[in-house]
Amino acid sequence: MRRSSPVLGIMALGLAIAGTALAVIPSALDAHGFVMLTSFVFGMLLLAAAFVMSLIGTLRKSAAKWPSRIGLGLSTVGGMTATVVFVTAMLGSVAGTSPPEATSTEPPSSEAATERRSAEEIATFLEQNVRPADDKVYSDYLFECMGKSLYSSDLSDDELQTLLSIDADSLKSLVEQDPVCSAEIATVVAGDMHGAGAEVSIGSGVTLQVTVRPAQLRDAEPVLPGSPVTQEDIDYSWGDAAQTDGQVAVVTIVVRNKGDAAQSDNGAFFSLLDSSGKSITGSAGMFGTLDYPSDPFDISGVAPGGEKTFTEVYPVRAADIGQVKGDVLLISDMGEGYGFIIE
């Protein structure tokens, strides 16, 4: 009996070869996940078809059996191999993608750690970590000044970050020794300003003696001579003291030069602070026509052994006068610092 050509077996063998290649090769090469999955599915479909066709081919009596047998074996082995390779590749892909995502966050956080902080961030950081000693008072502008100074400095981002990582005591020294911003730091001194007044050294042989006492402004002069005194007259003549019913704090400042040379021009400012540390509006001649004339505070031109006396008047109620403090600010450091809070 003459056998017919094993067309079905050859087709099954071809499908088995194609299915094995399609299902195995992309997984073995670790292709893109979607490509790998699609190729595996289509490859397995081809292997399934090859298995069925090979099985039918082996049952046909009139055709040669060898292509069908090879196709049957290849489709079985190919399916098993493709499944193992695909599962291995997928597990490796999942395990390989997680760490990069975790480590990919490291560079940004590292960069963030060394990224240059803004002047505002530096100021806030210093304000939160630097506290003045009991004999020091920091102005509201100190940390803003330091933030701007450090931000615009020649320090690199890493150097600046390292500098801000030092201990609190070193940070305090950094702030208090800054050549520009340290002018915003005042030294608290016991000047007995509510008593007889103690002399306070402000440098180069120059001292201040400050005293404060309560007083009451006399009746305001009428705006129109010969007319009765009105509330408008009081508000006009008393200025801000109208809010305290004419009660004022009279501050007397005596500047003495105990050095060997005439005191050169060194601009200075005096203000009175309330219990919260805020400046009280000074007179600046406000009561010049009344009982308490005010003199501009100027410490220049005091000869050796000489002195100058100044009077400042501030609207303060008598009940609050015991809580006020004197604030002296020098334009230049004469050896004792720029600022003094006199108690």
C-alpha atoms as a PDB file:
ATOM      1  CA  MET A   1       0.000   0.000   0.000  1.00  0.00           C
ATOM      2  CA  ARG A   2       1.417   3.353  -1.033  1.00  0.00           C
ATOM      3  CA  ARG A   3       1.585   6.003   1.707  1.00  0.00           C
ATOM      4  CA  SER A   4       0.388   9.577   1.099  1.00  0.00           C
ATOM      5  CA  SER A   5       2.552  12.645   1.801  1.00  0.00           C
ATOM      6  CA  PRO A   6       2.541  13.626   5.539  1.00  0.00           C
ATOM      7  CA  VAL A   7       1.353  17.171   4.870  1.00  0.00           C
ATOM      8  CA  LEU A   8      -0.501  17.456   8.163  1.00  0.00           C
ATOM      9  CA  GLY A   9       2.521  16.244  10.142  1.00  0.00           C
ATOM     10  CA  ILE A  10       4.858  18.670   8.370  1.00  0.00           C
ATOM     11  CA  MET A  11       2.443  21.539   9.070  1.00  0.00           C
ATOM     12  CA  ALA A  12       2.218  20.470  12.707  1.00  0.00           C
ATOM     13  CA  LEU A  13       6.017  20.338  12.926  1.00  0.00           C
ATOM     14  CA  GLY A  14       6.287  23.831  11.407  1.00  0.00           C
ATOM     15  CA  LEU A  15       3.739  25.201  13.858  1.00  0.00           C
ATOM     16  CA  ALA A  16       5.603  23.544  16.748  1.00  0.00           C
ATOM     17  CA  ILE A  17       8.888  25.143  15.673  1.00  0.00           C
ATOM     18  CA  ALA A  18       7.278  28.576  15.169  1.00  0.00           C
ATOM     19  CA  GLY A  19       5.307  28.343  18.429  1.00  0.00           C
ATOM     20  CA  THR A  20       8.377  27.335  20.425  1.00  0.00           C
ATOM     21  CA  ALA A  21      10.417  30.196  18.966  1.00  0.00           C
ATOM     22  CA  LEU A  22       7.631  32.715  19.519  1.00  0.00           C
ATOM     23  CA  ALA A  23       6.953  31.644  23.087  1.00  0.00           C
ATOM     24  CA  VAL A  24      10.558  31.190  24.233  1.00  0.00           C
ATOM     25  CA  ILE A  25      12.826  33.699  22.481  1.00  0.00           C
ATOM     26  CA  PRO A  26      11.238  37.048  23.696  1.00  0.00           C
ATOM     27  CA  SER A  27      11.092  35.743  27.279  1.00  0.00           C
ATOM     28  CA  ALA A  28      14.680  34.511  27.095  1.00  0.00           C
ATOM     29  CA  LEU A  29      15.802  37.938  25.784  1.00  0.00           C
ATOM     30  CA  ASP A  30      13.829  39.716  28.571  1.00  0.00           C
ATOM     31  CA  ALA A  31      11.811  41.791  26.109  1.00  0.00           C
ATOM     32  CA  HIS A  32       9.327  44.470  27.120  1.00  0.00           C
ATOM     33  CA  GLY A  33       6.606  43.079  29.374  1.00  0.00           C
ATOM     34  CA  PHE A  34       3.758  43.610  26.888  1.00  0.00           C
ATOM     35  CA  VAL A  35       5.788  42.168  24.000  1.00  0.00           C
ATOM     36  CA  MET A  36       6.842  39.211  26.119  1.00  0.00           C
ATOM     37  CA  LEU A  37       3.268  38.426  27.192  1.00  0.00           C
ATOM     38  CA  THR A  38       1.806  38.816  23.704  1.00  0.00           C
ATOM     39  CA  SER A  39       4.501  36.638  22.137  1.00  0.00           C
ATOM     40  CA  PHE A  40       4.061  33.973  24.813  1.00  0.00           C
ATOM     41  CA  VAL A  41       0.285  33.805  24.335  1.00  0.00           C
ATOM     42  CA  PHE A  42       0.479  33.528  20.555  1.00  0.00           C
ATOM     43  CA  GLY A  43       3.345  31.023  20.809  1.00  0.00           C
ATOM     44  CA  MET A  44       1.352  28.830  23.168  1.00  0.00           C
ATOM     45  CA  LEU A  45      -1.644  28.972  20.805  1.00  0.00           C
ATOM     46  CA  LEU A  46       0.578  27.795  17.953  1.00  0.00           C
ATOM     47  CA  LEU A  47       2.025  25.022  20.128  1.00  0.00           C
ATOM     48  CA  ALA A  48      -1.489  23.916  21.105  1.00  0.00           C
ATOM     49  CA  ALA A  49      -2.482  23.794  17.439  1.00  0.00           C
ATOM     50  CA  ALA A  50       0.726  21.901  16.592  1.00  0.00           C
ATOM     51  CA  PHE A  51       0.016  19.375  19.352  1.00  0.00           C
ATOM     52  CA  VAL A  52      -3.497  18.686  18.070  1.00  0.00           C
ATOM     53  CA  MET A  53      -2.390  18.428  14.426  1.00  0.00           C
ATOM     54  CA  SER A  54       0.553  16.206  15.385  1.00  0.00           C
ATOM     55  CA  LEU A  55      -1.748  13.938  17.350  1.00  0.00           C
ATOM     56  CA  ILE A  56      -4.110  13.631  14.374  1.00  0.00           C
ATOM     57  CA  GLY A  57      -1.146  12.999  12.083  1.00  0.00           C
ATOM     58  CA  THR A  58       0.054  10.090  14.173  1.00  0.00           C
ATOM     59  CA  LEU A  59      -3.372   8.469  13.859  1.00  0.00           C
ATOM     60  CA  ARG A  60      -3.499   8.624  10.081  1.00  0.00           C
ATOM     61  CA  LYS A  61      -2.517   5.203   8.692  1.00  0.00           C
ATOM     62  CA  SER A  62      -1.874   6.233   5.118  1.00  0.00           C
ATOM     63  CA  ALA A  63       0.768   8.900   5.895  1.00  0.00           C
ATOM     64  CA  ALA A  64       4.320   8.834   7.250  1.00  0.00           C
ATOM     65  CA  LYS A  65       4.347   9.267  11.016  1.00  0.00           C
ATOM     66  CA  TRP A  66       7.777  10.818  11.697  1.00  0.00           C
ATOM     67  CA  PRO A  67       6.833  14.533  11.135  1.00  0.00           C
ATOM     68  CA  SER A  68       3.813  14.176  13.387  1.00  0.00           C
ATOM     69  CA  ARG A  69       5.789  12.402  16.098  1.00  0.00           C
ATOM     70  CA  ILE A  70       8.517  15.041  16.050  1.00  0.00           C
ATOM     71  CA  GLY A  71       5.860  17.803  16.058  1.00  0.00           C
ATOM     72  CA  LEU A  72       4.079  16.124  18.969  1.00  0.00           C
ATOM     73  CA  GLY A  73       7.271  15.922  21.010  1.00  0.00           C
ATOM     74  CA  LEU A  74       8.416  19.444  20.092  1.00  0.00           C
ATOM     75  CA  SER A  75       5.060  21.048  20.884  1.00  0.00           C
ATOM     76  CA  THR A  76       5.024  19.308  24.291  1.00  0.00           C
ATOM     77  CA  VAL A  77       8.623  20.145  25.190  1.00  0.00           C
ATOM     78  CA  GLY A  78       8.305  23.623  23.667  1.00  0.00           C
ATOM     79  CA  GLY A  79       5.205  24.389  25.722  1.00  0.00           C
ATOM     80  CA  MET A  80       6.855  23.298  28.945  1.00  0.00           C
ATOM     81  CA  THR A  81      10.087  25.170  28.162  1.00  0.00           C
ATOM     82  CA  ALA A  82       8.224  28.333  27.150  1.00  0.00           C
ATOM     83  CA  THR A  83       6.202  28.266  30.386  1.00  0.00           C
ATOM     84  CA  VAL A  84       9.329  27.916  32.562  1.00  0.00           C
ATOM     85  CA  VAL A  85      11.238  30.648  30.674  1.00  0.00           C
ATOM     86  CA  PHE A  86       8.246  33.026  30.705  1.00  0.00           C
ATOM     87  CA  VAL A  87       7.566  32.618  34.446  1.00  0.00           C
ATOM     88  CA  THR A  88      11.279  33.051  35.252  1.00  0.00           C
ATOM     89  CA  ALA A  89      11.503  36.166  33.088  1.00  0.00           C
ATOM     90  CA  MET A  90       8.407  37.700  34.625  1.00  0.00           C
ATOM     91  CA  LEU A  91       9.627  37.089  38.195  1.00  0.00           C
ATOM     92  CA  GLY A  92      12.989  38.578  37.324  1.00  0.00           C
ATOM     93  CA  SER A  93      11.311  41.584  35.737  1.00  0.00           C
ATOM     94  CA  VAL A  94       9.191  42.248  38.834  1.00  0.00           C
ATOM     95  CA  ALA A  95      12.167  41.830  41.169  1.00  0.00           C
ATOM     96  CA  GLY A  96      14.297  44.013  38.938  1.00  0.00           C
ATOM     97  CA  THR A  97      11.888  46.949  38.675  1.00  0.00           C
ATOM     98  CA  SER A  98      11.200  47.448  42.404  1.00  0.00           C
ATOM     99  CA  PRO A  99      14.718  48.415  43.538  1.00  0.00           C
ATOM    100  CA  PRO A 100      15.207  51.074  40.825  1.00  0.00           C
ATOM    101  CA  GLU A 101      11.979  52.730  41.958  1.00  0.00           C
ATOM    102  CA  ALA A 102      13.164  52.669  45.559  1.00  0.00           C
ATOM    103  CA  THR A 103      16.663  53.876  44.709  1.00  0.00           C
ATOM    104  CA  SER A 104      15.365  56.406  42.212  1.00  0.00           C
ATOM    105  CA  THR A 105      14.118  58.433  45.167  1.00  0.00           C
ATOM    106  CA  GLU A 106      17.624  58.587  46.627  1.00  0.00           C
ATOM    107  CA  PRO A 107      19.174  61.110  44.214  1.00  0.00           C
ATOM    108  CA  PRO A 108      16.361  63.680  44.689  1.00  0.00           C
ATOM    109  CA  SER A 109      16.567  63.381  48.475  1.00  0.00           C
ATOM    110  CA  SER A 110      20.348  63.628  48.284  1.00  0.00           C
ATOM    111  CA  GLU A 111      20.074  66.638  46.002  1.00  0.00           C
ATOM    112  CA  ALA A 112      17.469  68.148  48.317  1.00  0.00           C
ATOM    113  CA  ALA A 113      19.874  67.753  51.205  1.00  0.00           C
ATOM    114  CA  THR A 114      22.574  69.686  49.362  1.00  0.00           C
ATOM    115  CA  GLU A 115      20.318  72.041  47.452  1.00  0.00           C
ATOM    116  CA  ARG A 116      20.934  75.621  48.518  1.00  0.00           C
ATOM    117  CA  ARG A 117      18.347  76.764  51.006  1.00  0.00           C
ATOM    118  CA  SER A 118      16.629  80.062  50.408  1.00  0.00           C
ATOM    119  CA  ALA A 119      17.456  83.079  52.563  1.00  0.00           C
ATOM    120  CA  GLU A 120      14.065  82.708  54.273  1.00  0.00           C
ATOM    121  CA  GLU A 121      14.678  79.012  55.033  1.00  0.00           C
ATOM    122  CA  ILE A 122      18.107  79.783  56.491  1.00  0.00           C
ATOM    123  CA  ALA A 123      16.638  82.581  58.634  1.00  0.00           C
ATOM    124  CA  THR A 124      13.872  80.300  59.926  1.00  0.00           C
ATOM    125  CA  PHE A 125      16.352  77.512  60.674  1.00  0.00           C
ATOM    126  CA  LEU A 126      18.617  79.836  62.674  1.00  0.00           C
ATOM    127  CA  GLU A 127      15.681  81.365  64.534  1.00  0.00           C
ATOM    128  CA  GLN A 128      14.547  77.889  65.593  1.00  0.00           C
ATOM    129  CA  ASN A 129      17.990  76.715  66.678  1.00  0.00           C
ATOM    130  CA  VAL A 130      19.782  79.757  68.111  1.00  0.00           C
ATOM    131  CA  ARG A 131      18.711  81.230  71.445  1.00  0.00           C
ATOM    132  CA  PRO A 132      20.352  84.278  73.008  1.00  0.00           C
ATOM    133  CA  ALA A 133      21.986  84.122  76.418  1.00  0.00           C
ATOM    134  CA  ASP A 134      20.292  85.920  79.287  1.00  0.00           C
ATOM    135  CA  ASP A 135      22.452  89.012  78.745  1.00  0.00           C
ATOM    136  CA  LYS A 136      21.679  89.275  75.017  1.00  0.00           C
ATOM    137  CA  VAL A 137      18.653  90.423  73.049  1.00  0.00           C
ATOM    138  CA  TYR A 138      18.220  89.631  69.357  1.00  0.00           C
ATOM    139  CA  SER A 139      16.348  92.109  67.190  1.00  0.00           C
ATOM    140  CA  ASP A 140      13.579  90.958  64.855  1.00  0.00           C
ATOM    141  CA  TYR A 141      15.858  91.631  61.872  1.00  0.00           C
ATOM    142  CA  LEU A 142      18.864  89.599  63.047  1.00  0.00           C
ATOM    143  CA  PHE A 143      17.938  86.250  61.526  1.00  0.00           C
ATOM    144  CA  GLU A 144      16.634  87.836  58.344  1.00  0.00           C
ATOM    145  CA  CYS A 145      20.009  89.550  58.045  1.00  0.00           C
ATOM    146  CA  MET A 146      21.879  86.278  58.625  1.00  0.00           C
ATOM    147  CA  GLY A 147      19.699  84.433  56.113  1.00  0.00           C
ATOM    148  CA  LYS A 148      20.485  86.961  53.389  1.00  0.00           C
ATOM    149  CA  SER A 149      24.176  87.047  54.312  1.00  0.00           C
ATOM    150  CA  LEU A 150      24.692  83.269  54.224  1.00  0.00           C
ATOM    151  CA  TYR A 151      22.556  82.774  51.126  1.00  0.00           C
ATOM    152  CA  SER A 152      24.573  85.303  49.112  1.00  0.00           C
ATOM    153  CA  SER A 153      27.940  84.150  50.500  1.00  0.00           C
ATOM    154  CA  ASP A 154      30.634  82.402  48.439  1.00  0.00           C
ATOM    155  CA  LEU A 155      29.966  79.111  50.238  1.00  0.00           C
ATOM    156  CA  SER A 156      28.977  76.229  47.983  1.00  0.00           C
ATOM    157  CA  ASP A 157      25.672  74.471  48.599  1.00  0.00           C
ATOM    158  CA  ASP A 158      27.464  71.572  50.327  1.00  0.00           C
ATOM    159  CA  GLU A 159      29.609  73.910  52.433  1.00  0.00           C
ATOM    160  CA  LEU A 160      26.557  75.904  53.485  1.00  0.00           C
ATOM    161  CA  GLN A 161      24.694  72.730  54.411  1.00  0.00           C
ATOM    162  CA  THR A 162      27.685  71.557  56.464  1.00  0.00           C
ATOM    163  CA  LEU A 163      27.900  74.932  58.197  1.00  0.00           C
ATOM    164  CA  LEU A 164      24.240  74.785  59.204  1.00  0.00           C
ATOM    165  CA  SER A 165      24.786  71.272  60.606  1.00  0.00           C
ATOM    166  CA  ILE A 166      27.128  72.382  63.371  1.00  0.00           C
ATOM    167  CA  ASP A 167      26.037  72.313  67.014  1.00  0.00           C
ATOM    168  CA  ALA A 168      23.839  74.991  68.594  1.00  0.00           C
ATOM    169  CA  ASP A 169      26.686  76.703  70.485  1.00  0.00           C
ATOM    170  CA  SER A 170      28.751  77.026  67.314  1.00  0.00           C
ATOM    171  CA  LEU A 171      25.721  78.377  65.449  1.00  0.00           C
ATOM    172  CA  LYS A 172      25.291  80.992  68.183  1.00  0.00           C
ATOM    173  CA  SER A 173      28.951  82.032  67.819  1.00  0.00           C
ATOM    174  CA  LEU A 174      28.482  82.231  64.058  1.00  0.00           C
ATOM    175  CA  VAL A 175      25.494  84.560  64.475  1.00  0.00           C
ATOM    176  CA  GLU A 176      26.922  86.736  67.232  1.00  0.00           C
ATOM    177  CA  GLN A 177      30.292  87.225  65.513  1.00  0.00           C
ATOM    178  CA  ASP A 178      28.946  88.143  62.097  1.00  0.00           C
ATOM    179  CA  PRO A 179      30.574  91.484  61.165  1.00  0.00           C
ATOM    180  CA  VAL A 180      27.356  92.958  59.768  1.00  0.00           C
ATOM    181  CA  CYS A 181      24.394  91.262  61.401  1.00  0.00           C
ATOM    182  CA  SER A 182      25.812  91.296  64.933  1.00  0.00           C
ATOM    183  CA  ALA A 183      24.798  94.960  65.061  1.00  0.00           C
ATOM    184  CA  GLU A 184      21.285  93.570  65.577  1.00  0.00           C
ATOM    185  CA  ILE A 185      22.312  92.099  68.947  1.00  0.00           C
ATOM    186  CA  ALA A 186      21.982  94.139  72.124  1.00  0.00           C
ATOM    187  CA  THR A 187      23.708  93.532  75.434  1.00  0.00           C
ATOM    188  CA  VAL A 188      21.463  93.703  78.492  1.00  0.00           C
ATOM    189  CA  VAL A 189      23.045  95.802  81.234  1.00  0.00           C
ATOM    190  CA  ALA A 190      21.932  96.729  84.756  1.00  0.00           C
ATOM    191  CA  GLY A 191      21.716 100.496  84.505  1.00  0.00           C
ATOM    192  CA  ASP A 192      19.330 101.098  87.422  1.00  0.00           C
ATOM    193  CA  MET A 193      17.376 103.440  85.168  1.00  0.00           C
ATOM    194  CA  HIS A 194      14.370 103.327  87.511  1.00  0.00           C
ATOM    195  CA  GLY A 195      16.576 104.404  90.409  1.00  0.00           C
ATOM    196  CA  ALA A 196      19.514 106.787  90.635  1.00  0.00           C
ATOM    197  CA  GLY A 197      20.930 105.527  87.365  1.00  0.00           C
ATOM    198  CA  ALA A 198      24.181 103.565  87.080  1.00  0.00           C
ATOM    199  CA  GLU A 199      26.864 104.419  84.557  1.00  0.00           C
ATOM    200  CA  VAL A 200      27.020 102.005  81.621  1.00  0.00           C
ATOM    201  CA  SER A 201      30.166 101.733  79.499  1.00  0.00           C
ATOM    202  CA  ILE A 202      29.524 101.808  75.750  1.00  0.00           C
ATOM    203  CA  GLY A 203      33.191 101.766  74.778  1.00  0.00           C
ATOM    204  CA  SER A 204      36.349 103.954  74.450  1.00  0.00           C
ATOM    205  CA  GLY A 205      35.833 105.569  77.837  1.00  0.00           C
ATOM    206  CA  VAL A 206      32.302 106.774  77.064  1.00  0.00           C
ATOM    207  CA  THR A 207      29.524 106.020  79.545  1.00  0.00           C
ATOM    208  CA  LEU A 208      25.796 106.557  79.727  1.00  0.00           C
ATOM    209  CA  GLN A 209      23.720 107.219  82.813  1.00  0.00           C
ATOM    210  CA  VAL A 210      20.014 106.815  82.126  1.00  0.00           C
ATOM    211  CA  THR A 211      17.130 107.530  84.496  1.00  0.00           C
ATOM    212  CA  VAL A 212      13.367 107.499  83.949  1.00  0.00           C
ATOM    213  CA  ARG A 213      10.595 109.054  86.015  1.00  0.00           C
ATOM    214  CA  PRO A 214       6.836 109.506  85.587  1.00  0.00           C
ATOM    215  CA  ALA A 215       5.313 112.946  84.973  1.00  0.00           C
ATOM    216  CA  GLN A 216       2.034 114.578  83.981  1.00  0.00           C
ATOM    217  CA  LEU A 217       1.727 117.100  81.198  1.00  0.00           C
ATOM    218  CA  ARG A 218       0.071 120.377  82.175  1.00  0.00           C
ATOM    219  CA  ASP A 219      -3.133 121.532  80.510  1.00  0.00           C
ATOM    220  CA  ALA A 220      -2.662 121.996  76.810  1.00  0.00           C
ATOM    221  CA  GLU A 221      -2.376 125.488  75.445  1.00  0.00           C
ATOM    222  CA  PRO A 222      -5.324 126.553  73.273  1.00  0.00           C
ATOM    223  CA  VAL A 223      -4.786 126.537  69.532  1.00  0.00           C
ATOM    224  CA  LEU A 224      -6.495 129.933  69.411  1.00  0.00           C
ATOM    225  CA  PRO A 225      -5.110 132.250  72.119  1.00  0.00           C
ATOM    226  CA  GLY A 226      -7.809 133.391  74.550  1.00  0.00           C
ATOM    227  CA  SER A 227     -10.125 130.504  73.634  1.00  0.00           C
ATOM    228  CA  PRO A 228     -11.120 127.694  76.029  1.00  0.00           C
ATOM    229  CA  VAL A 229      -8.980 124.542  75.886  1.00  0.00           C
ATOM    230  CA  THR A 230     -10.687 121.907  73.751  1.00  0.00           C
ATOM    231  CA  GLN A 231     -10.004 118.229  73.133  1.00  0.00           C
ATOM    232  CA  GLU A 232      -8.533 119.257  69.802  1.00  0.00           C
ATOM    233  CA  ASP A 233      -6.086 121.484  71.681  1.00  0.00           C
ATOM    234  CA  ILE A 234      -5.104 118.580  73.927  1.00  0.00           C
ATOM    235  CA  ASP A 235      -4.672 116.142  71.051  1.00  0.00           C
ATOM    236  CA  TYR A 236      -2.629 118.707  69.130  1.00  0.00           C
ATOM    237  CA  SER A 237      -0.373 119.748  72.010  1.00  0.00           C
ATOM    238  CA  TRP A 238      -0.005 116.378  73.678  1.00  0.00           C
ATOM    239  CA  GLY A 239       0.385 114.317  70.546  1.00  0.00           C
ATOM    240  CA  ASP A 240       0.571 110.600  71.326  1.00  0.00           C
ATOM    241  CA  ALA A 241       0.442 111.413  75.053  1.00  0.00           C
ATOM    242  CA  ALA A 242      -3.249 112.232  74.602  1.00  0.00           C
ATOM    243  CA  GLN A 243      -3.756 108.453  74.571  1.00  0.00           C
ATOM    244  CA  THR A 244      -2.232 108.219  78.054  1.00  0.00           C
ATOM    245  CA  ASP A 245      -4.168 111.198  79.451  1.00  0.00           C
ATOM    246  CA  GLY A 246      -1.012 113.280  79.466  1.00  0.00           C
ATOM    247  CA  GLN A 247       1.015 110.786  81.518  1.00  0.00           C
ATOM    248  CA  VAL A 248       4.596 110.563  80.274  1.00  0.00           C
ATOM    249  CA  ALA A 249       7.949 108.969  81.043  1.00  0.00           C
ATOM    250  CA  VAL A 250      10.718 111.554  81.224  1.00  0.00           C
ATOM    251  CA  VAL A 251      14.094 109.982  80.363  1.00  0.00           C
ATOM    252  CA  THR A 252      17.332 111.765  81.244  1.00  0.00           C
ATOM    253  CA  ILE A 253      20.525 110.605  79.516  1.00  0.00           C
ATOM    254  CA  VAL A 254      23.944 111.809  80.656  1.00  0.00           C
ATOM    255  CA  VAL A 255      26.860 111.051  78.319  1.00  0.00           C
ATOM    256  CA  ARG A 256      30.320 111.249  79.912  1.00  0.00           C
ATOM    257  CA  ASN A 257      33.697 111.025  78.203  1.00  0.00           C
ATOM    258  CA  LYS A 258      36.224 109.502  80.582  1.00  0.00           C
ATOM    259  CA  GLY A 259      38.804 108.874  77.876  1.00  0.00           C
ATOM    260  CA  ASP A 260      41.799 110.888  76.721  1.00  0.00           C
ATOM    261  CA  ALA A 261      40.434 112.049  73.365  1.00  0.00           C
ATOM    262  CA  ALA A 262      37.398 114.043  72.326  1.00  0.00           C
ATOM    263  CA  GLN A 263      34.508 111.815  71.440  1.00  0.00           C
ATOM    264  CA  SER A 264      34.256 111.791  67.659  1.00  0.00           C
ATOM    265  CA  ASP A 265      30.996 111.710  65.764  1.00  0.00           C
ATOM    266  CA  ASN A 266      29.383 108.356  66.328  1.00  0.00           C
ATOM    267  CA  GLY A 267      25.700 108.384  65.514  1.00  0.00           C
ATOM    268  CA  ALA A 268      23.471 106.909  68.180  1.00  0.00           C
ATOM    269  CA  PHE A 269      19.788 106.316  68.745  1.00  0.00           C
ATOM    270  CA  PHE A 270      17.800 105.973  71.952  1.00  0.00           C
ATOM    271  CA  SER A 271      14.306 104.585  72.290  1.00  0.00           C
ATOM    272  CA  LEU A 272      12.112 103.368  75.104  1.00  0.00           C
ATOM    273  CA  LEU A 273      10.808  99.801  75.031  1.00  0.00           C
ATOM    274  CA  ASP A 274       7.554  98.631  76.585  1.00  0.00           C
ATOM    275  CA  SER A 275       7.109  95.365  78.501  1.00  0.00           C
ATOM    276  CA  SER A 276       6.827  93.376  75.246  1.00  0.00           C
ATOM    277  CA  GLY A 277      10.050  94.835  73.850  1.00  0.00           C
ATOM    278  CA  LYS A 278       8.380  97.116  71.296  1.00  0.00           C
ATOM    279  CA  SER A 279       9.561 100.674  70.801  1.00  0.00           C
ATOM    280  CA  ILE A 280       7.370 103.440  72.185  1.00  0.00           C
ATOM    281  CA  THR A 281       6.968 106.464  69.948  1.00  0.00           C
ATOM    282  CA  GLY A 282       9.364 109.107  71.217  1.00  0.00           C
ATOM    283  CA  SER A 283       8.770 112.807  71.542  1.00  0.00           C
ATOM    284  CA  ALA A 284      11.305 114.248  69.089  1.00  0.00           C
ATOM    285  CA  GLY A 285      10.240 117.751  70.105  1.00  0.00           C
ATOM    286  CA  MET A 286       6.614 116.754  70.534  1.00  0.00           C
ATOM    287  CA  PHE A 287       6.428 118.588  73.850  1.00  0.00           C
ATOM    288  CA  GLY A 288       8.818 121.395  72.991  1.00  0.00           C
ATOM    289  CA  THR A 289       6.322 124.120  73.938  1.00  0.00           C
ATOM    290  CA  LEU A 290       5.388 122.425  77.200  1.00  0.00           C
ATOM    291  CA  ASP A 291       7.161 121.607  80.439  1.00  0.00           C
ATOM    292  CA  TYR A 292       9.396 118.813  79.098  1.00  0.00           C
ATOM    293  CA  PRO A 293      11.424 119.895  76.060  1.00  0.00           C
ATOM    294  CA  SER A 294      13.171 117.074  74.171  1.00  0.00           C
ATOM    295  CA  ASP A 295      16.782 117.166  72.960  1.00  0.00           C
ATOM    296  CA  PRO A 296      18.170 115.208  69.984  1.00  0.00           C
ATOM    297  CA  PHE A 297      20.371 112.393  71.275  1.00  0.00           C
ATOM    298  CA  ASP A 298      23.916 113.027  70.011  1.00  0.00           C
ATOM    299  CA  ILE A 299      27.001 111.614  71.735  1.00  0.00           C
ATOM    300  CA  SER A 300      29.578 113.358  69.541  1.00  0.00           C
ATOM    301  CA  GLY A 301      31.793 116.252  70.561  1.00  0.00           C
ATOM    302  CA  VAL A 302      32.126 115.411  74.267  1.00  0.00           C
ATOM    303  CA  ALA A 303      35.565 116.533  75.435  1.00  0.00           C
ATOM    304  CA  PRO A 304      37.682 114.402  77.801  1.00  0.00           C
ATOM    305  CA  GLY A 305      36.256 114.795  81.274  1.00  0.00           C
ATOM    306  CA  GLY A 306      33.137 116.455  79.864  1.00  0.00           C
ATOM    307  CA  GLU A 307      29.527 115.404  79.654  1.00  0.00           C
ATOM    308  CA  LYS A 308      26.232 116.107  77.855  1.00  0.00           C
ATOM    309  CA  THR A 309      22.710 115.793  79.200  1.00  0.00           C
ATOM    310  CA  PHE A 310      19.676 114.951  77.051  1.00  0.00           C
ATOM    311  CA  THR A 311      15.976 114.733  77.840  1.00  0.00           C
ATOM    312  CA  GLU A 312      13.561 112.399  76.034  1.00  0.00           C
ATOM    313  CA  VAL A 313       9.810 112.263  76.714  1.00  0.00           C
ATOM    314  CA  TYR A 314       7.581 109.287  75.910  1.00  0.00           C
ATOM    315  CA  PRO A 315       3.818 108.731  76.325  1.00  0.00           C
ATOM    316  CA  VAL A 316       3.709 106.086  79.082  1.00  0.00           C
ATOM    317  CA  ARG A 317       1.179 105.641  81.856  1.00  0.00           C
ATOM    318  CA  ALA A 318       2.561 105.820  85.386  1.00  0.00           C
ATOM    319  CA  ALA A 319       1.308 102.278  86.055  1.00  0.00           C
ATOM    320  CA  ASP A 320       3.478 100.939  83.206  1.00  0.00           C
ATOM    321  CA  ILE A 321       6.618 102.973  83.729  1.00  0.00           C
ATOM    322  CA  GLY A 322       8.244 100.364  85.960  1.00  0.00           C
ATOM    323  CA  GLN A 323       8.368  97.908  83.050  1.00  0.00           C
ATOM    324  CA  VAL A 324      10.040 100.083  80.423  1.00  0.00           C
ATOM    325  CA  LYS A 325      13.646  99.630  79.305  1.00  0.00           C
ATOM    326  CA  GLY A 326      16.089 101.844  77.449  1.00  0.00           C
ATOM    327  CA  ASP A 327      17.391 100.829  74.018  1.00  0.00           C
ATOM    328  CA  VAL A 328      20.659 102.383  72.800  1.00  0.00           C
ATOM    329  CA  LEU A 329      21.949 101.685  69.288  1.00  0.00           C
ATOM    330  CA  LEU A 330      25.330 102.903  68.047  1.00  0.00           C
ATOM    331  CA  ILE A 331      26.125 103.341  64.380  1.00  0.00           C
ATOM    332  CA  SER A 332      29.630 101.955  64.939  1.00  0.00           C
ATOM    333  CA  ASP A 333      31.157  99.722  67.577  1.00  0.00           C
ATOM    334  CA  MET A 334      33.335 101.648  70.022  1.00  0.00           C
ATOM    335  CA  GLY A 335      34.585  98.507  71.734  1.00  0.00           C
ATOM    336  CA  GLU A 336      31.587  97.297  73.713  1.00  0.00           C
ATOM    337  CA  GLY A 337      29.199  96.402  70.892  1.00  0.00           C
ATOM    338  CA  TYR A 338      26.489  98.159  68.935  1.00  0.00           C
ATOM    339  CA  GLY A 339      23.384  97.803  71.056  1.00  0.00           C
ATOM    340  CA  PHE A 340      22.524  98.030  74.749  1.00  0.00           C
ATOM    341  CA  ILE A 341      19.306  97.300  76.621  1.00  0.00           C
ATOM    342  CA  ILE A 342      19.410  99.269  79.848  1.00  0.00           C
ATOM    343  CA  GLU A 343      17.254  98.039  82.707  1.00  0.00           C
END
